[in-house]
């Protein structure tokens, strides 16, 4: 009787019902991993913005001293590398600083459009700093995309490229190509903007593929591929 039950169990596992179960579980896990990577990307990008905010506020306390900002970034880079490893060069820290200046948000974590210049937004000393997770939704693109956007001088163009990259699921290579070919300027001059934007999106091949993000550790922790920390290769540095 027992052998008959074993045989029936084997037949059941070999059937299409088990295949459907296995396929469903695999897809569930894959979706969870992708969602986890996207969530970590968003939180880390918000963390880099918060680092930029703290650097700017600290610099304001030493204004007027020649070379103060550069000396601060050099020391921070050395100390962070000693404690956390690679990924915190002076160049990366400067990008985080510029990121904060180019994407100011209120302490209440409500979204704002980029300002007309890269001057520091007013600092509200009475409002305590939020955790990066509290305003992570403000930065829906991977960090490498924002690094590339730092080279775009016009706030309106930055907003345009950020919006279109999100809608079109552009990889950082696609974003770079659109910026290099002056897609914003061409769209502004086009008589048929809707058709041009549609061509700019093209077929979506997945959310932000080939993002160019490092898959290494960030601040001493392991992260999924494409959800790494700042990389010296993750886009062009802002001048």
C-alpha atoms as a PDB file:
ATOM      1  CA  UNK A   1       0.000   0.000   0.000  1.00  0.00           C
ATOM      2  CA  UNK A   2       2.869   2.333   0.886  1.00  0.00           C
ATOM      3  CA  UNK A   3       4.638   1.720  -2.425  1.00  0.00           C
ATOM      4  CA  UNK A   4       1.448   2.590  -4.270  1.00  0.00           C
ATOM      5  CA  UNK A   5       1.254   5.936  -2.476  1.00  0.00           C
ATOM      6  CA  UNK A   6       4.909   6.647  -3.332  1.00  0.00           C
ATOM      7  CA  UNK A   7       4.207   5.879  -6.988  1.00  0.00           C
ATOM      8  CA  UNK A   8       1.184   8.162  -7.013  1.00  0.00           C
ATOM      9  CA  UNK A   9       3.229  10.934  -5.404  1.00  0.00           C
ATOM     10  CA  UNK A  10       5.934  10.584  -8.063  1.00  0.00           C
ATOM     11  CA  UNK A  11       3.344  10.713 -10.834  1.00  0.00           C
ATOM     12  CA  UNK A  12       1.848  13.846  -9.288  1.00  0.00           C
ATOM     13  CA  UNK A  13       5.247  15.559  -9.072  1.00  0.00           C
ATOM     14  CA  UNK A  14       5.985  14.683 -12.673  1.00  0.00           C
ATOM     15  CA  UNK A  15       2.718  16.206 -13.893  1.00  0.00           C
ATOM     16  CA  UNK A  16       1.888  19.663 -15.092  1.00  0.00           C
ATOM     17  CA  UNK A  17       0.484  20.770 -11.716  1.00  0.00           C
ATOM     18  CA  UNK A  18       3.907  20.582 -10.075  1.00  0.00           C
ATOM     19  CA  UNK A  19       5.508  22.311 -13.059  1.00  0.00           C
ATOM     20  CA  UNK A  20       3.054  25.154 -12.638  1.00  0.00           C
ATOM     21  CA  UNK A  21       3.813  25.360  -8.918  1.00  0.00           C
ATOM     22  CA  UNK A  22       7.569  25.491  -9.505  1.00  0.00           C
ATOM     23  CA  UNK A  23       7.274  28.101 -12.257  1.00  0.00           C
ATOM     24  CA  UNK A  24       5.061  30.274 -10.083  1.00  0.00           C
ATOM     25  CA  UNK A  25       7.466  30.114  -7.114  1.00  0.00           C
ATOM     26  CA  UNK A  26      10.467  30.964  -9.335  1.00  0.00           C
ATOM     27  CA  UNK A  27       8.667  33.990 -10.790  1.00  0.00           C
ATOM     28  CA  UNK A  28       7.620  35.127  -7.309  1.00  0.00           C
ATOM     29  CA  UNK A  29      11.219  34.991  -6.057  1.00  0.00           C
ATOM     30  CA  UNK A  30      12.540  36.773  -9.134  1.00  0.00           C
ATOM     31  CA  UNK A  31      10.018  39.587  -8.703  1.00  0.00           C
ATOM     32  CA  UNK A  32      10.946  39.885  -5.024  1.00  0.00           C
ATOM     33  CA  UNK A  33      14.648  40.112  -5.876  1.00  0.00           C
ATOM     34  CA  UNK A  34      14.042  42.801  -8.484  1.00  0.00           C
ATOM     35  CA  UNK A  35      11.859  44.762  -6.071  1.00  0.00           C
ATOM     36  CA  UNK A  36      14.529  44.439  -3.381  1.00  0.00           C
ATOM     37  CA  UNK A  37      17.231  45.726  -5.738  1.00  0.00           C
ATOM     38  CA  UNK A  38      15.066  48.683  -6.806  1.00  0.00           C
ATOM     39  CA  UNK A  39      14.250  49.508  -3.197  1.00  0.00           C
ATOM     40  CA  UNK A  40      17.915  49.399  -2.191  1.00  0.00           C
ATOM     41  CA  UNK A  41      18.871  51.553  -5.195  1.00  0.00           C
ATOM     42  CA  UNK A  42      16.320  54.159  -4.155  1.00  0.00           C
ATOM     43  CA  UNK A  43      17.374  54.199  -0.503  1.00  0.00           C
ATOM     44  CA  UNK A  44      21.071  54.430  -1.371  1.00  0.00           C
ATOM     45  CA  UNK A  45      20.417  57.311  -3.790  1.00  0.00           C
ATOM     46  CA  UNK A  46      18.502  59.127  -1.051  1.00  0.00           C
ATOM     47  CA  UNK A  47      21.404  58.397   1.312  1.00  0.00           C
ATOM     48  CA  UNK A  48      23.862  60.033  -1.097  1.00  0.00           C
ATOM     49  CA  UNK A  49      21.573  63.087  -1.204  1.00  0.00           C
ATOM     50  CA  UNK A  50      21.600  63.204   2.608  1.00  0.00           C
ATOM     51  CA  UNK A  51      25.405  62.939   2.644  1.00  0.00           C
ATOM     52  CA  UNK A  52      25.509  65.884   0.227  1.00  0.00           C
ATOM     53  CA  UNK A  53      23.228  67.881   2.514  1.00  0.00           C
ATOM     54  CA  UNK A  54      25.444  67.294   5.523  1.00  0.00           C
ATOM     55  CA  UNK A  55      28.559  68.237   3.568  1.00  0.00           C
ATOM     56  CA  UNK A  56      26.986  71.508   2.388  1.00  0.00           C
ATOM     57  CA  UNK A  57      25.785  72.442   5.862  1.00  0.00           C
ATOM     58  CA  UNK A  58      29.188  71.669   7.362  1.00  0.00           C
ATOM     59  CA  UNK A  59      30.907  73.725   4.655  1.00  0.00           C
ATOM     60  CA  UNK A  60      28.707  76.717   5.423  1.00  0.00           C
ATOM     61  CA  UNK A  61      30.191  76.784   8.907  1.00  0.00           C
ATOM     62  CA  UNK A  62      33.655  77.265   7.434  1.00  0.00           C
ATOM     63  CA  UNK A  63      32.855  79.741   4.685  1.00  0.00           C
ATOM     64  CA  UNK A  64      35.512  82.311   3.958  1.00  0.00           C
ATOM     65  CA  UNK A  65      38.448  79.982   4.518  1.00  0.00           C
ATOM     66  CA  UNK A  66      40.438  79.344   1.339  1.00  0.00           C
ATOM     67  CA  UNK A  67      40.338  75.727   0.209  1.00  0.00           C
ATOM     68  CA  UNK A  68      38.054  74.702   3.069  1.00  0.00           C
ATOM     69  CA  UNK A  69      35.665  72.687   0.894  1.00  0.00           C
ATOM     70  CA  UNK A  70      38.410  70.785  -0.907  1.00  0.00           C
ATOM     71  CA  UNK A  71      40.186  69.994   2.345  1.00  0.00           C
ATOM     72  CA  UNK A  72      36.937  68.698   3.844  1.00  0.00           C
ATOM     73  CA  UNK A  73      36.292  66.347   0.912  1.00  0.00           C
ATOM     74  CA  UNK A  74      39.882  65.067   0.977  1.00  0.00           C
ATOM     75  CA  UNK A  75      39.704  64.248   4.660  1.00  0.00           C
ATOM     76  CA  UNK A  76      36.235  62.681   4.397  1.00  0.00           C
ATOM     77  CA  UNK A  77      37.339  60.555   1.461  1.00  0.00           C
ATOM     78  CA  UNK A  78      40.356  59.261   3.358  1.00  0.00           C
ATOM     79  CA  UNK A  79      38.414  58.561   6.557  1.00  0.00           C
ATOM     80  CA  UNK A  80      35.465  56.883   4.805  1.00  0.00           C
ATOM     81  CA  UNK A  81      37.792  54.704   2.739  1.00  0.00           C
ATOM     82  CA  UNK A  82      39.582  53.613   5.931  1.00  0.00           C
ATOM     83  CA  UNK A  83      36.292  52.674   7.623  1.00  0.00           C
ATOM     84  CA  UNK A  84      34.079  51.495   4.754  1.00  0.00           C
ATOM     85  CA  UNK A  85      36.356  50.645   1.838  1.00  0.00           C
ATOM     86  CA  UNK A  86      36.135  51.787  -1.767  1.00  0.00           C
ATOM     87  CA  UNK A  87      33.451  53.978  -3.316  1.00  0.00           C
ATOM     88  CA  UNK A  88      33.962  57.287  -1.510  1.00  0.00           C
ATOM     89  CA  UNK A  89      36.525  59.178  -3.554  1.00  0.00           C
ATOM     90  CA  UNK A  90      36.683  62.978  -3.501  1.00  0.00           C
ATOM     91  CA  UNK A  91      34.970  62.899  -6.891  1.00  0.00           C
ATOM     92  CA  UNK A  92      32.075  60.822  -5.562  1.00  0.00           C
ATOM     93  CA  UNK A  93      31.644  63.044  -2.516  1.00  0.00           C
ATOM     94  CA  UNK A  94      31.652  66.106  -4.771  1.00  0.00           C
ATOM     95  CA  UNK A  95      28.925  64.473  -6.866  1.00  0.00           C
ATOM     96  CA  UNK A  96      26.827  63.887  -3.725  1.00  0.00           C
ATOM     97  CA  UNK A  97      27.272  67.540  -2.782  1.00  0.00           C
ATOM     98  CA  UNK A  98      26.158  68.679  -6.236  1.00  0.00           C
ATOM     99  CA  UNK A  99      23.277  66.207  -6.124  1.00  0.00           C
ATOM    100  CA  UNK A 100      21.912  67.868  -2.996  1.00  0.00           C
ATOM    101  CA  UNK A 101      22.297  71.334  -4.510  1.00  0.00           C
ATOM    102  CA  UNK A 102      20.634  70.324  -7.778  1.00  0.00           C
ATOM    103  CA  UNK A 103      17.700  68.414  -6.254  1.00  0.00           C
ATOM    104  CA  UNK A 104      16.629  70.386  -3.151  1.00  0.00           C
ATOM    105  CA  UNK A 105      13.695  69.060  -1.175  1.00  0.00           C
ATOM    106  CA  UNK A 106      12.053  70.329   1.973  1.00  0.00           C
ATOM    107  CA  UNK A 107      12.742  68.716   5.334  1.00  0.00           C
ATOM    108  CA  UNK A 108       9.122  67.578   5.211  1.00  0.00           C
ATOM    109  CA  UNK A 109      10.196  65.337   2.340  1.00  0.00           C
ATOM    110  CA  UNK A 110       7.722  66.831  -0.139  1.00  0.00           C
ATOM    111  CA  UNK A 111       9.017  66.902  -3.701  1.00  0.00           C
ATOM    112  CA  UNK A 112      10.208  70.083  -5.373  1.00  0.00           C
ATOM    113  CA  UNK A 113      11.375  70.895  -8.874  1.00  0.00           C
ATOM    114  CA  UNK A 114      15.077  71.732  -9.297  1.00  0.00           C
ATOM    115  CA  UNK A 115      15.860  75.375  -8.644  1.00  0.00           C
ATOM    116  CA  UNK A 116      17.143  77.744 -11.260  1.00  0.00           C
ATOM    117  CA  UNK A 117      20.692  77.597  -9.900  1.00  0.00           C
ATOM    118  CA  UNK A 118      22.945  75.302  -7.926  1.00  0.00           C
ATOM    119  CA  UNK A 119      22.943  77.525  -4.857  1.00  0.00           C
ATOM    120  CA  UNK A 120      22.177  75.861  -1.508  1.00  0.00           C
ATOM    121  CA  UNK A 121      18.512  75.905  -0.481  1.00  0.00           C
ATOM    122  CA  UNK A 122      17.614  77.560   2.813  1.00  0.00           C
ATOM    123  CA  UNK A 123      18.483  75.428   5.822  1.00  0.00           C
ATOM    124  CA  UNK A 124      15.737  74.992   8.389  1.00  0.00           C
ATOM    125  CA  UNK A 125      17.568  74.446  11.656  1.00  0.00           C
ATOM    126  CA  UNK A 126      14.298  73.831  13.496  1.00  0.00           C
ATOM    127  CA  UNK A 127      13.339  70.878  11.305  1.00  0.00           C
ATOM    128  CA  UNK A 128      15.203  67.680  12.213  1.00  0.00           C
ATOM    129  CA  UNK A 129      16.791  65.713   9.369  1.00  0.00           C
ATOM    130  CA  UNK A 130      14.714  62.827   8.067  1.00  0.00           C
ATOM    131  CA  UNK A 131      15.933  59.307   7.468  1.00  0.00           C
ATOM    132  CA  UNK A 132      16.795  58.719   3.761  1.00  0.00           C
ATOM    133  CA  UNK A 133      14.012  56.147   3.655  1.00  0.00           C
ATOM    134  CA  UNK A 134      11.495  58.893   4.421  1.00  0.00           C
ATOM    135  CA  UNK A 135      12.114  60.693   1.112  1.00  0.00           C
ATOM    136  CA  UNK A 136      13.538  57.885  -1.025  1.00  0.00           C
ATOM    137  CA  UNK A 137      10.516  58.015  -3.354  1.00  0.00           C
ATOM    138  CA  UNK A 138      11.718  61.459  -4.510  1.00  0.00           C
ATOM    139  CA  UNK A 139      14.558  59.733  -6.419  1.00  0.00           C
ATOM    140  CA  UNK A 140      13.046  57.002  -8.612  1.00  0.00           C
ATOM    141  CA  UNK A 141      16.076  56.595 -10.903  1.00  0.00           C
ATOM    142  CA  UNK A 142      19.304  54.702 -10.115  1.00  0.00           C
ATOM    143  CA  UNK A 143      22.244  56.720  -8.803  1.00  0.00           C
ATOM    144  CA  UNK A 144      24.188  56.408 -12.081  1.00  0.00           C
ATOM    145  CA  UNK A 145      21.365  58.258 -13.870  1.00  0.00           C
ATOM    146  CA  UNK A 146      21.586  61.189 -11.463  1.00  0.00           C
ATOM    147  CA  UNK A 147      25.358  61.300 -11.834  1.00  0.00           C
ATOM    148  CA  UNK A 148      24.856  61.684 -15.589  1.00  0.00           C
ATOM    149  CA  UNK A 149      22.175  64.336 -15.054  1.00  0.00           C
ATOM    150  CA  UNK A 150      24.595  66.426 -12.976  1.00  0.00           C
ATOM    151  CA  UNK A 151      26.314  67.493 -16.199  1.00  0.00           C
ATOM    152  CA  UNK A 152      23.059  69.039 -17.508  1.00  0.00           C
ATOM    153  CA  UNK A 153      23.205  72.719 -16.588  1.00  0.00           C
ATOM    154  CA  UNK A 154      19.591  73.702 -17.246  1.00  0.00           C
ATOM    155  CA  UNK A 155      17.219  72.762 -14.387  1.00  0.00           C
ATOM    156  CA  UNK A 156      14.374  72.460 -16.906  1.00  0.00           C
ATOM    157  CA  UNK A 157      16.403  70.067 -19.058  1.00  0.00           C
ATOM    158  CA  UNK A 158      17.373  67.999 -15.988  1.00  0.00           C
ATOM    159  CA  UNK A 159      13.717  67.672 -15.019  1.00  0.00           C
ATOM    160  CA  UNK A 160      12.806  66.737 -18.599  1.00  0.00           C
ATOM    161  CA  UNK A 161      15.459  64.008 -18.846  1.00  0.00           C
ATOM    162  CA  UNK A 162      14.623  62.654 -15.383  1.00  0.00           C
ATOM    163  CA  UNK A 163      10.938  62.416 -16.290  1.00  0.00           C
ATOM    164  CA  UNK A 164      11.518  60.870 -19.723  1.00  0.00           C
ATOM    165  CA  UNK A 165      14.070  58.371 -18.355  1.00  0.00           C
ATOM    166  CA  UNK A 166      11.507  57.255 -15.793  1.00  0.00           C
ATOM    167  CA  UNK A 167       8.661  56.984 -18.310  1.00  0.00           C
ATOM    168  CA  UNK A 168      10.779  55.284 -20.944  1.00  0.00           C
ATOM    169  CA  UNK A 169      12.755  52.996 -18.621  1.00  0.00           C
ATOM    170  CA  UNK A 170      16.019  54.321 -20.134  1.00  0.00           C
ATOM    171  CA  UNK A 171      19.286  52.701 -19.191  1.00  0.00           C
ATOM    172  CA  UNK A 172      22.106  55.090 -18.292  1.00  0.00           C
ATOM    173  CA  UNK A 173      23.538  54.504 -21.779  1.00  0.00           C
ATOM    174  CA  UNK A 174      20.252  55.536 -23.359  1.00  0.00           C
ATOM    175  CA  UNK A 175      20.088  58.589 -21.104  1.00  0.00           C
ATOM    176  CA  UNK A 176      23.642  59.518 -22.074  1.00  0.00           C
ATOM    177  CA  UNK A 177      22.792  59.199 -25.756  1.00  0.00           C
ATOM    178  CA  UNK A 178      19.693  61.375 -25.441  1.00  0.00           C
ATOM    179  CA  UNK A 179      21.618  64.081 -23.572  1.00  0.00           C
ATOM    180  CA  UNK A 180      24.549  63.936 -26.001  1.00  0.00           C
ATOM    181  CA  UNK A 181      22.215  64.326 -28.990  1.00  0.00           C
ATOM    182  CA  UNK A 182      20.372  67.271 -27.354  1.00  0.00           C
ATOM    183  CA  UNK A 183      17.046  65.456 -27.183  1.00  0.00           C
ATOM    184  CA  UNK A 184      15.581  68.133 -24.893  1.00  0.00           C
ATOM    185  CA  UNK A 185      16.450  70.945 -27.282  1.00  0.00           C
ATOM    186  CA  UNK A 186      15.216  68.989 -30.308  1.00  0.00           C
ATOM    187  CA  UNK A 187      11.944  68.152 -28.570  1.00  0.00           C
ATOM    188  CA  UNK A 188      11.425  71.813 -27.676  1.00  0.00           C
ATOM    189  CA  UNK A 189      11.859  72.810 -31.322  1.00  0.00           C
ATOM    190  CA  UNK A 190       9.837  69.959 -32.784  1.00  0.00           C
ATOM    191  CA  UNK A 191       6.413  70.738 -34.244  1.00  0.00           C
ATOM    192  CA  UNK A 192       5.163  67.280 -33.269  1.00  0.00           C
ATOM    193  CA  UNK A 193       6.436  66.867 -29.713  1.00  0.00           C
ATOM    194  CA  UNK A 194       4.196  63.903 -28.880  1.00  0.00           C
ATOM    195  CA  UNK A 195       5.500  61.799 -31.768  1.00  0.00           C
ATOM    196  CA  UNK A 196       9.100  62.707 -31.000  1.00  0.00           C
ATOM    197  CA  UNK A 197       8.758  61.773 -27.340  1.00  0.00           C
ATOM    198  CA  UNK A 198       7.185  58.477 -28.347  1.00  0.00           C
ATOM    199  CA  UNK A 199      10.171  57.710 -30.568  1.00  0.00           C
ATOM    200  CA  UNK A 200      12.487  58.705 -27.740  1.00  0.00           C
ATOM    201  CA  UNK A 201      10.904  56.135 -25.438  1.00  0.00           C
ATOM    202  CA  UNK A 202      11.043  53.254 -27.893  1.00  0.00           C
ATOM    203  CA  UNK A 203      10.254  49.682 -26.826  1.00  0.00           C
ATOM    204  CA  UNK A 204      10.725  49.158 -23.094  1.00  0.00           C
ATOM    205  CA  UNK A 205      13.175  46.357 -22.408  1.00  0.00           C
ATOM    206  CA  UNK A 206      12.813  46.368 -18.636  1.00  0.00           C
ATOM    207  CA  UNK A 207      13.250  48.910 -15.906  1.00  0.00           C
ATOM    208  CA  UNK A 208      16.578  50.745 -16.168  1.00  0.00           C
ATOM    209  CA  UNK A 209      18.632  47.907 -17.610  1.00  0.00           C
ATOM    210  CA  UNK A 210      22.389  48.380 -17.983  1.00  0.00           C
ATOM    211  CA  UNK A 211      22.267  51.020 -15.308  1.00  0.00           C
ATOM    212  CA  UNK A 212      26.030  51.034 -14.979  1.00  0.00           C
ATOM    213  CA  UNK A 213      25.882  50.685 -11.221  1.00  0.00           C
ATOM    214  CA  UNK A 214      28.546  48.761  -9.450  1.00  0.00           C
ATOM    215  CA  UNK A 215      27.499  45.464  -7.935  1.00  0.00           C
ATOM    216  CA  UNK A 216      30.027  45.663  -5.118  1.00  0.00           C
ATOM    217  CA  UNK A 217      29.504  46.292  -1.434  1.00  0.00           C
ATOM    218  CA  UNK A 218      28.264  49.601  -0.110  1.00  0.00           C
ATOM    219  CA  UNK A 219      29.260  50.763   3.346  1.00  0.00           C
ATOM    220  CA  UNK A 220      30.367  47.246   4.225  1.00  0.00           C
ATOM    221  CA  UNK A 221      27.242  45.394   3.061  1.00  0.00           C
ATOM    222  CA  UNK A 222      26.558  43.119   0.102  1.00  0.00           C
ATOM    223  CA  UNK A 223      23.939  44.274  -2.379  1.00  0.00           C
ATOM    224  CA  UNK A 224      22.249  42.715  -5.421  1.00  0.00           C
ATOM    225  CA  UNK A 225      23.669  43.396  -8.919  1.00  0.00           C
ATOM    226  CA  UNK A 226      22.914  46.901 -10.261  1.00  0.00           C
ATOM    227  CA  UNK A 227      22.207  48.167  -6.765  1.00  0.00           C
ATOM    228  CA  UNK A 228      25.709  49.073  -5.660  1.00  0.00           C
ATOM    229  CA  UNK A 229      27.313  52.138  -4.243  1.00  0.00           C
ATOM    230  CA  UNK A 230      28.796  55.151  -5.999  1.00  0.00           C
ATOM    231  CA  UNK A 231      31.339  54.279  -8.630  1.00  0.00           C
ATOM    232  CA  UNK A 232      33.975  56.399 -10.324  1.00  0.00           C
ATOM    233  CA  UNK A 233      32.686  54.860 -13.551  1.00  0.00           C
ATOM    234  CA  UNK A 234      28.993  55.515 -12.849  1.00  0.00           C
ATOM    235  CA  UNK A 235      28.538  58.411 -15.243  1.00  0.00           C
ATOM    236  CA  UNK A 236      30.247  61.662 -16.054  1.00  0.00           C
ATOM    237  CA  UNK A 237      31.298  63.910 -13.254  1.00  0.00           C
ATOM    238  CA  UNK A 238      29.772  67.345 -13.040  1.00  0.00           C
ATOM    239  CA  UNK A 239      32.143  70.145 -13.611  1.00  0.00           C
END
